[in-house]
Amino acid sequence: MYIPKNKIITDLYTRGNEFQYLSNKEEYSGYYHKLYNGKFYTGKNPNDKPVSEIIRIPTNDAQWEETPLTGETLYSTYTSNFDGETVPGQYQNMREIDVYNAVKGIDINQVFQLPPAYYPTPTEDDYNLGVFTRYFCVKINENVYLEISKDTYDNLTQEKKDWAYELYTPFWLQWTLTGKEKEVELVNSNAIAITEQRLNRRGLREFLKGNYLKFYKP
């Protein structure tokens, strides 16, 4: 079953005394991930086999409130990724996190807007001009791209407090629409290469599937 990435919290880690297998109640330690419905499973992500459901050990002193993720919201980064050991040897003490949240004025119940996907449609004015601007964002820790609207781009660049702007790098790309076909193809291909170089990232070309004539009109 396919699960959108924005509905999974991956690469979490527990050193033990926190989770047990649902099937046999044996204690579990290692990597795990969390789904939008509040359930936990072994493995860094759903593709990290074998995947078994785990539950919190009932005697754990910590008090946990499970809140399902939605397609539009994300846990505060100070609560979603710090309910255990994010990587081996980097255990997070929840008391310290609570103090940090208090000092920074972070509401742990606040949820953050994730950038929604957007499919642009060039206008007649764009075609008369011959170019238009496409807006994108890429996750800061992996080459996962998304095409977004101008409004979403502005919210991320302006670091609006109700947006998960810290998780993404927003950027724009000038896209050529008209001209000689081969020239348009070359110009857009070069624009992608320059953008990847500017971002010091790879993967944009693959995300756009090498379609350098997207929206092209002869």
C-alpha atoms as a PDB file:
ATOM      1  CA  MET A   1       0.000   0.000   0.000  1.00  0.00           C
ATOM      2  CA  TYR A   2       1.391   3.402  -0.988  1.00  0.00           C
ATOM      3  CA  ILE A   3       1.548   5.969   1.813  1.00  0.00           C
ATOM      4  CA  PRO A   4       2.468   9.591   0.991  1.00  0.00           C
ATOM      5  CA  LYS A   5       5.774  10.656   2.534  1.00  0.00           C
ATOM      6  CA  ASN A   6       4.172  13.575   4.339  1.00  0.00           C
ATOM      7  CA  LYS A   7       2.110  11.067   6.349  1.00  0.00           C
ATOM      8  CA  ILE A   8       5.135   9.182   7.701  1.00  0.00           C
ATOM      9  CA  ILE A   9       7.766  10.125  10.262  1.00  0.00           C
ATOM     10  CA  THR A  10      10.822   8.066   9.373  1.00  0.00           C
ATOM     11  CA  ASP A  11      14.280   7.236  10.750  1.00  0.00           C
ATOM     12  CA  LEU A  12      13.302   7.273  14.433  1.00  0.00           C
ATOM     13  CA  TYR A  13      15.309   5.180  16.882  1.00  0.00           C
ATOM     14  CA  THR A  14      14.757   3.647  20.301  1.00  0.00           C
ATOM     15  CA  ARG A  15      17.425   2.065  22.475  1.00  0.00           C
ATOM     16  CA  GLY A  16      14.840  -0.044  24.323  1.00  0.00           C
ATOM     17  CA  ASN A  17      12.553   0.066  27.347  1.00  0.00           C
ATOM     18  CA  GLU A  18      10.074   2.007  25.256  1.00  0.00           C
ATOM     19  CA  PHE A  19       8.395  -0.265  22.691  1.00  0.00           C
ATOM     20  CA  GLN A  20       7.289  -3.877  22.468  1.00  0.00           C
ATOM     21  CA  TYR A  21       6.076  -6.019  19.572  1.00  0.00           C
ATOM     22  CA  LEU A  22       2.289  -6.052  19.338  1.00  0.00           C
ATOM     23  CA  SER A  23       2.309  -9.742  18.416  1.00  0.00           C
ATOM     24  CA  ASN A  24       4.330 -11.233  21.265  1.00  0.00           C
ATOM     25  CA  LYS A  25       4.981  -8.323  23.678  1.00  0.00           C
ATOM     26  CA  GLU A  26       8.766  -8.735  23.376  1.00  0.00           C
ATOM     27  CA  GLU A  27      10.767  -5.549  23.892  1.00  0.00           C
ATOM     28  CA  TYR A  28      11.995  -3.843  20.728  1.00  0.00           C
ATOM     29  CA  SER A  29      15.086  -1.680  20.174  1.00  0.00           C
ATOM     30  CA  GLY A  30      16.247  -0.206  16.881  1.00  0.00           C
ATOM     31  CA  TYR A  31      14.880   1.963  14.108  1.00  0.00           C
ATOM     32  CA  TYR A  32      11.167   2.554  13.711  1.00  0.00           C
ATOM     33  CA  HIS A  33       8.737   4.817  11.864  1.00  0.00           C
ATOM     34  CA  LYS A  34       5.364   6.338  12.662  1.00  0.00           C
ATOM     35  CA  LEU A  35       2.303   6.574  10.393  1.00  0.00           C
ATOM     36  CA  TYR A  36      -0.354   9.272  10.116  1.00  0.00           C
ATOM     37  CA  ASN A  37      -2.767   7.154  12.183  1.00  0.00           C
ATOM     38  CA  GLY A  38      -0.460   7.161  15.214  1.00  0.00           C
ATOM     39  CA  LYS A  39       0.753   3.578  14.799  1.00  0.00           C
ATOM     40  CA  PHE A  40       4.411   2.562  15.020  1.00  0.00           C
ATOM     41  CA  TYR A  41       6.280  -0.011  12.939  1.00  0.00           C
ATOM     42  CA  THR A  42       9.791  -1.422  12.914  1.00  0.00           C
ATOM     43  CA  GLY A  43      12.252  -0.265  10.258  1.00  0.00           C
ATOM     44  CA  LYS A  44      13.397   3.165   9.165  1.00  0.00           C
ATOM     45  CA  ASN A  45      10.457   3.369   6.739  1.00  0.00           C
ATOM     46  CA  PRO A  46       7.733   1.099   5.272  1.00  0.00           C
ATOM     47  CA  ASN A  47      10.231  -0.283   2.730  1.00  0.00           C
ATOM     48  CA  ASP A  48      12.723  -1.342   5.410  1.00  0.00           C
ATOM     49  CA  LYS A  49      11.685  -4.979   5.785  1.00  0.00           C
ATOM     50  CA  PRO A  50      10.643  -6.817   7.857  1.00  0.00           C
ATOM     51  CA  VAL A  51       7.995  -4.427   9.151  1.00  0.00           C
ATOM     52  CA  SER A  52       6.172  -5.329  12.359  1.00  0.00           C
ATOM     53  CA  GLU A  53       3.794  -3.249  14.427  1.00  0.00           C
ATOM     54  CA  ILE A  54       5.099  -2.128  17.806  1.00  0.00           C
ATOM     55  CA  ILE A  55       3.366  -0.405  20.705  1.00  0.00           C
ATOM     56  CA  ARG A  56       4.591   1.575  23.666  1.00  0.00           C
ATOM     57  CA  ILE A  57       5.359  -0.442  26.786  1.00  0.00           C
ATOM     58  CA  PRO A  58       2.446   0.296  29.157  1.00  0.00           C
ATOM     59  CA  THR A  59       4.778   0.835  32.139  1.00  0.00           C
ATOM     60  CA  ASN A  60       6.682   3.640  30.401  1.00  0.00           C
ATOM     61  CA  ASP A  61       6.653   6.672  32.734  1.00  0.00           C
ATOM     62  CA  ALA A  62       6.255   9.129  29.883  1.00  0.00           C
ATOM     63  CA  GLN A  63       2.800  10.348  29.003  1.00  0.00           C
ATOM     64  CA  TRP A  64       2.078  10.359  25.297  1.00  0.00           C
ATOM     65  CA  GLU A  65      -0.722  11.891  23.322  1.00  0.00           C
ATOM     66  CA  GLU A  66      -1.117  10.413  19.860  1.00  0.00           C
ATOM     67  CA  THR A  67      -2.390  12.810  17.220  1.00  0.00           C
ATOM     68  CA  PRO A  68      -2.805  11.529  13.622  1.00  0.00           C
ATOM     69  CA  LEU A  69      -1.015  13.423  10.903  1.00  0.00           C
ATOM     70  CA  THR A  70      -3.042  14.813   8.040  1.00  0.00           C
ATOM     71  CA  GLY A  71      -2.069  15.644   4.497  1.00  0.00           C
ATOM     72  CA  GLU A  72      -1.874  19.325   5.407  1.00  0.00           C
ATOM     73  CA  THR A  73      -0.214  19.359   8.839  1.00  0.00           C
ATOM     74  CA  LEU A  74       2.903  18.152  10.558  1.00  0.00           C
ATOM     75  CA  TYR A  75       3.873  17.741  14.166  1.00  0.00           C
ATOM     76  CA  SER A  76       6.070  20.407  15.671  1.00  0.00           C
ATOM     77  CA  THR A  77       9.613  19.284  14.966  1.00  0.00           C
ATOM     78  CA  TYR A  78      10.269  19.518  18.691  1.00  0.00           C
ATOM     79  CA  THR A  79       7.762  16.777  19.497  1.00  0.00           C
ATOM     80  CA  SER A  80       7.558  14.498  16.464  1.00  0.00           C
ATOM     81  CA  ASN A  81      11.191  13.500  16.202  1.00  0.00           C
ATOM     82  CA  PHE A  82      12.204  13.557  19.841  1.00  0.00           C
ATOM     83  CA  ASP A  83      10.054  10.818  21.388  1.00  0.00           C
ATOM     84  CA  GLY A  84      13.085   8.568  21.615  1.00  0.00           C
ATOM     85  CA  GLU A  85      16.511   8.298  20.088  1.00  0.00           C
ATOM     86  CA  THR A  86      16.573   9.919  16.660  1.00  0.00           C
ATOM     87  CA  VAL A  87      19.920   8.290  15.837  1.00  0.00           C
ATOM     88  CA  PRO A  88      21.989   5.849  17.890  1.00  0.00           C
ATOM     89  CA  GLY A  89      23.779   7.594  20.717  1.00  0.00           C
ATOM     90  CA  GLN A  90      21.693  10.770  20.531  1.00  0.00           C
ATOM     91  CA  TYR A  91      18.996  10.165  23.106  1.00  0.00           C
ATOM     92  CA  GLN A  92      16.635  13.094  23.670  1.00  0.00           C
ATOM     93  CA  ASN A  93      15.500  13.814  27.223  1.00  0.00           C
ATOM     94  CA  MET A  94      11.884  14.968  27.109  1.00  0.00           C
ATOM     95  CA  ARG A  95      12.366  17.197  30.170  1.00  0.00           C
ATOM     96  CA  GLU A  96      15.103  19.093  28.312  1.00  0.00           C
ATOM     97  CA  ILE A  97      12.853  19.373  25.263  1.00  0.00           C
ATOM     98  CA  ASP A  98      10.049  20.789  27.433  1.00  0.00           C
ATOM     99  CA  VAL A  99      12.443  23.417  28.815  1.00  0.00           C
ATOM    100  CA  TYR A 100      13.623  24.264  25.287  1.00  0.00           C
ATOM    101  CA  ASN A 101      10.030  24.667  24.100  1.00  0.00           C
ATOM    102  CA  ALA A 102       9.235  26.932  27.041  1.00  0.00           C
ATOM    103  CA  VAL A 103      12.296  29.146  26.478  1.00  0.00           C
ATOM    104  CA  LYS A 104      11.605  29.424  22.738  1.00  0.00           C
ATOM    105  CA  GLY A 105       7.889  29.945  23.256  1.00  0.00           C
ATOM    106  CA  ILE A 106       7.054  26.874  21.183  1.00  0.00           C
ATOM    107  CA  ASP A 107       3.535  25.521  21.463  1.00  0.00           C
ATOM    108  CA  ILE A 108       3.941  21.727  21.332  1.00  0.00           C
ATOM    109  CA  ASN A 109       0.313  21.389  20.270  1.00  0.00           C
ATOM    110  CA  GLN A 110       0.827  23.585  17.238  1.00  0.00           C
ATOM    111  CA  VAL A 111       0.751  21.960  13.827  1.00  0.00           C
ATOM    112  CA  PHE A 112       2.470  23.282  10.756  1.00  0.00           C
ATOM    113  CA  GLN A 113       1.310  23.632   7.184  1.00  0.00           C
ATOM    114  CA  LEU A 114       3.119  21.454   4.650  1.00  0.00           C
ATOM    115  CA  PRO A 115       3.562  22.768   1.090  1.00  0.00           C
ATOM    116  CA  PRO A 116       0.861  21.291  -1.166  1.00  0.00           C
ATOM    117  CA  ALA A 117       1.632  20.205  -4.710  1.00  0.00           C
ATOM    118  CA  TYR A 118       0.613  22.589  -7.473  1.00  0.00           C
ATOM    119  CA  TYR A 119       0.213  22.215 -11.233  1.00  0.00           C
ATOM    120  CA  PRO A 120       0.867  25.554 -12.996  1.00  0.00           C
ATOM    121  CA  THR A 121      -0.980  26.745 -16.072  1.00  0.00           C
ATOM    122  CA  PRO A 122       0.735  29.432 -18.168  1.00  0.00           C
ATOM    123  CA  THR A 123      -1.508  32.331 -19.178  1.00  0.00           C
ATOM    124  CA  GLU A 124      -1.798  33.946 -22.583  1.00  0.00           C
ATOM    125  CA  ASP A 125       0.307  36.811 -21.261  1.00  0.00           C
ATOM    126  CA  ASP A 126       2.986  34.268 -20.333  1.00  0.00           C
ATOM    127  CA  TYR A 127       2.957  32.861 -23.867  1.00  0.00           C
ATOM    128  CA  ASN A 128       3.128  36.358 -25.330  1.00  0.00           C
ATOM    129  CA  LEU A 129       6.152  37.003 -23.128  1.00  0.00           C
ATOM    130  CA  GLY A 130       7.631  33.627 -23.999  1.00  0.00           C
ATOM    131  CA  VAL A 131       8.593  32.648 -20.440  1.00  0.00           C
ATOM    132  CA  PHE A 132       7.036  32.174 -17.025  1.00  0.00           C
ATOM    133  CA  THR A 133       8.233  31.362 -13.527  1.00  0.00           C
ATOM    134  CA  ARG A 134       7.774  27.939 -11.959  1.00  0.00           C
ATOM    135  CA  TYR A 135       8.110  27.538  -8.196  1.00  0.00           C
ATOM    136  CA  PHE A 136       9.466  24.530  -6.333  1.00  0.00           C
ATOM    137  CA  CYS A 137      10.761  23.364  -2.994  1.00  0.00           C
ATOM    138  CA  VAL A 138      13.084  20.540  -1.987  1.00  0.00           C
ATOM    139  CA  LYS A 139      13.395  18.863   1.395  1.00  0.00           C
ATOM    140  CA  ILE A 140      16.505  20.037   3.194  1.00  0.00           C
ATOM    141  CA  ASN A 141      17.690  16.527   4.068  1.00  0.00           C
ATOM    142  CA  GLU A 142      16.921  14.614   0.860  1.00  0.00           C
ATOM    143  CA  ASN A 143      16.379  15.215  -2.836  1.00  0.00           C
ATOM    144  CA  VAL A 144      12.595  15.165  -2.697  1.00  0.00           C
ATOM    145  CA  TYR A 145      11.090  17.896  -4.868  1.00  0.00           C
ATOM    146  CA  LEU A 146       7.641  19.424  -5.139  1.00  0.00           C
ATOM    147  CA  GLU A 147       6.230  21.989  -7.534  1.00  0.00           C
ATOM    148  CA  ILE A 148       4.348  24.649  -5.587  1.00  0.00           C
ATOM    149  CA  SER A 149       2.341  27.816  -6.137  1.00  0.00           C
ATOM    150  CA  LYS A 150       3.653  31.348  -5.839  1.00  0.00           C
ATOM    151  CA  ASP A 151       1.679  31.796  -2.605  1.00  0.00           C
ATOM    152  CA  THR A 152       3.266  28.697  -1.077  1.00  0.00           C
ATOM    153  CA  TYR A 153       6.693  29.863  -2.236  1.00  0.00           C
ATOM    154  CA  ASP A 154       6.113  33.224  -0.521  1.00  0.00           C
ATOM    155  CA  ASN A 155       4.984  31.558   2.709  1.00  0.00           C
ATOM    156  CA  LEU A 156       8.135  29.442   2.804  1.00  0.00           C
ATOM    157  CA  THR A 157      10.555  32.241   1.896  1.00  0.00           C
ATOM    158  CA  GLN A 158       8.909  34.605   4.377  1.00  0.00           C
ATOM    159  CA  GLU A 159       9.177  31.894   7.039  1.00  0.00           C
ATOM    160  CA  LYS A 160       5.551  32.157   8.095  1.00  0.00           C
ATOM    161  CA  LYS A 161       5.324  30.728  11.587  1.00  0.00           C
ATOM    162  CA  ASP A 162       2.449  28.373  10.806  1.00  0.00           C
ATOM    163  CA  TRP A 163       4.389  26.742   7.943  1.00  0.00           C
ATOM    164  CA  ALA A 164       7.022  23.988   8.175  1.00  0.00           C
ATOM    165  CA  TYR A 165       9.493  26.226   6.338  1.00  0.00           C
ATOM    166  CA  GLU A 166      12.510  24.789   8.167  1.00  0.00           C
ATOM    167  CA  LEU A 167      12.033  21.474   6.367  1.00  0.00           C
ATOM    168  CA  TYR A 168      12.233  22.850   2.812  1.00  0.00           C
ATOM    169  CA  THR A 169      14.371  24.980   0.521  1.00  0.00           C
ATOM    170  CA  PRO A 170      12.125  26.981  -1.836  1.00  0.00           C
ATOM    171  CA  PHE A 171      13.379  28.113  -5.233  1.00  0.00           C
ATOM    172  CA  TRP A 172      12.132  29.300  -8.617  1.00  0.00           C
ATOM    173  CA  LEU A 173      12.925  28.453 -12.206  1.00  0.00           C
ATOM    174  CA  GLN A 174      12.357  30.595 -15.295  1.00  0.00           C
ATOM    175  CA  TRP A 175      10.765  28.349 -17.909  1.00  0.00           C
ATOM    176  CA  THR A 176      10.790  29.107 -21.630  1.00  0.00           C
ATOM    177  CA  LEU A 177       7.499  28.541 -23.431  1.00  0.00           C
ATOM    178  CA  THR A 178       7.957  29.609 -27.037  1.00  0.00           C
ATOM    179  CA  GLY A 179      10.572  29.691 -29.767  1.00  0.00           C
ATOM    180  CA  LYS A 180      12.297  27.108 -31.899  1.00  0.00           C
ATOM    181  CA  GLU A 181      11.717  23.695 -30.396  1.00  0.00           C
ATOM    182  CA  LYS A 182      15.364  22.647 -30.134  1.00  0.00           C
ATOM    183  CA  GLU A 183      16.350  25.999 -28.680  1.00  0.00           C
ATOM    184  CA  VAL A 184      13.565  25.904 -26.084  1.00  0.00           C
ATOM    185  CA  GLU A 185      14.582  22.385 -25.128  1.00  0.00           C
ATOM    186  CA  LEU A 186      18.202  23.439 -24.695  1.00  0.00           C
ATOM    187  CA  VAL A 187      17.376  26.605 -22.742  1.00  0.00           C
ATOM    188  CA  ASN A 188      15.150  24.757 -20.268  1.00  0.00           C
ATOM    189  CA  SER A 189      17.685  21.954 -19.892  1.00  0.00           C
ATOM    190  CA  ASN A 190      20.382  24.515 -19.095  1.00  0.00           C
ATOM    191  CA  ALA A 191      18.083  26.312 -16.659  1.00  0.00           C
ATOM    192  CA  ILE A 192      17.646  23.070 -14.723  1.00  0.00           C
ATOM    193  CA  ALA A 193      21.387  22.420 -14.674  1.00  0.00           C
ATOM    194  CA  ILE A 194      22.112  25.950 -13.422  1.00  0.00           C
ATOM    195  CA  THR A 195      19.431  25.630 -10.735  1.00  0.00           C
ATOM    196  CA  GLU A 196      20.844  22.322  -9.508  1.00  0.00           C
ATOM    197  CA  GLN A 197      24.276  23.933  -9.371  1.00  0.00           C
ATOM    198  CA  ARG A 198      22.921  26.937  -7.481  1.00  0.00           C
ATOM    199  CA  LEU A 199      21.190  24.682  -4.953  1.00  0.00           C
ATOM    200  CA  ASN A 200      24.143  22.295  -4.840  1.00  0.00           C
ATOM    201  CA  ARG A 201      21.586  19.505  -5.205  1.00  0.00           C
ATOM    202  CA  ARG A 202      20.683  16.839  -7.719  1.00  0.00           C
ATOM    203  CA  GLY A 203      17.372  15.299  -8.671  1.00  0.00           C
ATOM    204  CA  LEU A 204      15.455  18.217 -10.184  1.00  0.00           C
ATOM    205  CA  ARG A 205      15.995  16.915 -13.712  1.00  0.00           C
ATOM    206  CA  GLU A 206      14.650  13.517 -12.684  1.00  0.00           C
ATOM    207  CA  PHE A 207      11.711  15.110 -10.879  1.00  0.00           C
ATOM    208  CA  LEU A 208      10.758  16.957 -14.075  1.00  0.00           C
ATOM    209  CA  LYS A 209      11.293  13.715 -16.008  1.00  0.00           C
ATOM    210  CA  GLY A 210      13.528  15.439 -18.536  1.00  0.00           C
ATOM    211  CA  ASN A 211      10.482  17.062 -20.133  1.00  0.00           C
ATOM    212  CA  TYR A 212      12.134  20.272 -21.329  1.00  0.00           C
ATOM    213  CA  LEU A 213       9.206  21.081 -23.631  1.00  0.00           C
ATOM    214  CA  LYS A 214       6.558  21.078 -20.907  1.00  0.00           C
ATOM    215  CA  PHE A 215       3.946  23.773 -21.720  1.00  0.00           C
ATOM    216  CA  TYR A 216       5.729  24.471 -25.026  1.00  0.00           C
ATOM    217  CA  LYS A 217       3.881  26.120 -27.879  1.00  0.00           C
ATOM    218  CA  PRO A 218       5.559  26.389 -31.310  1.00  0.00           C
END
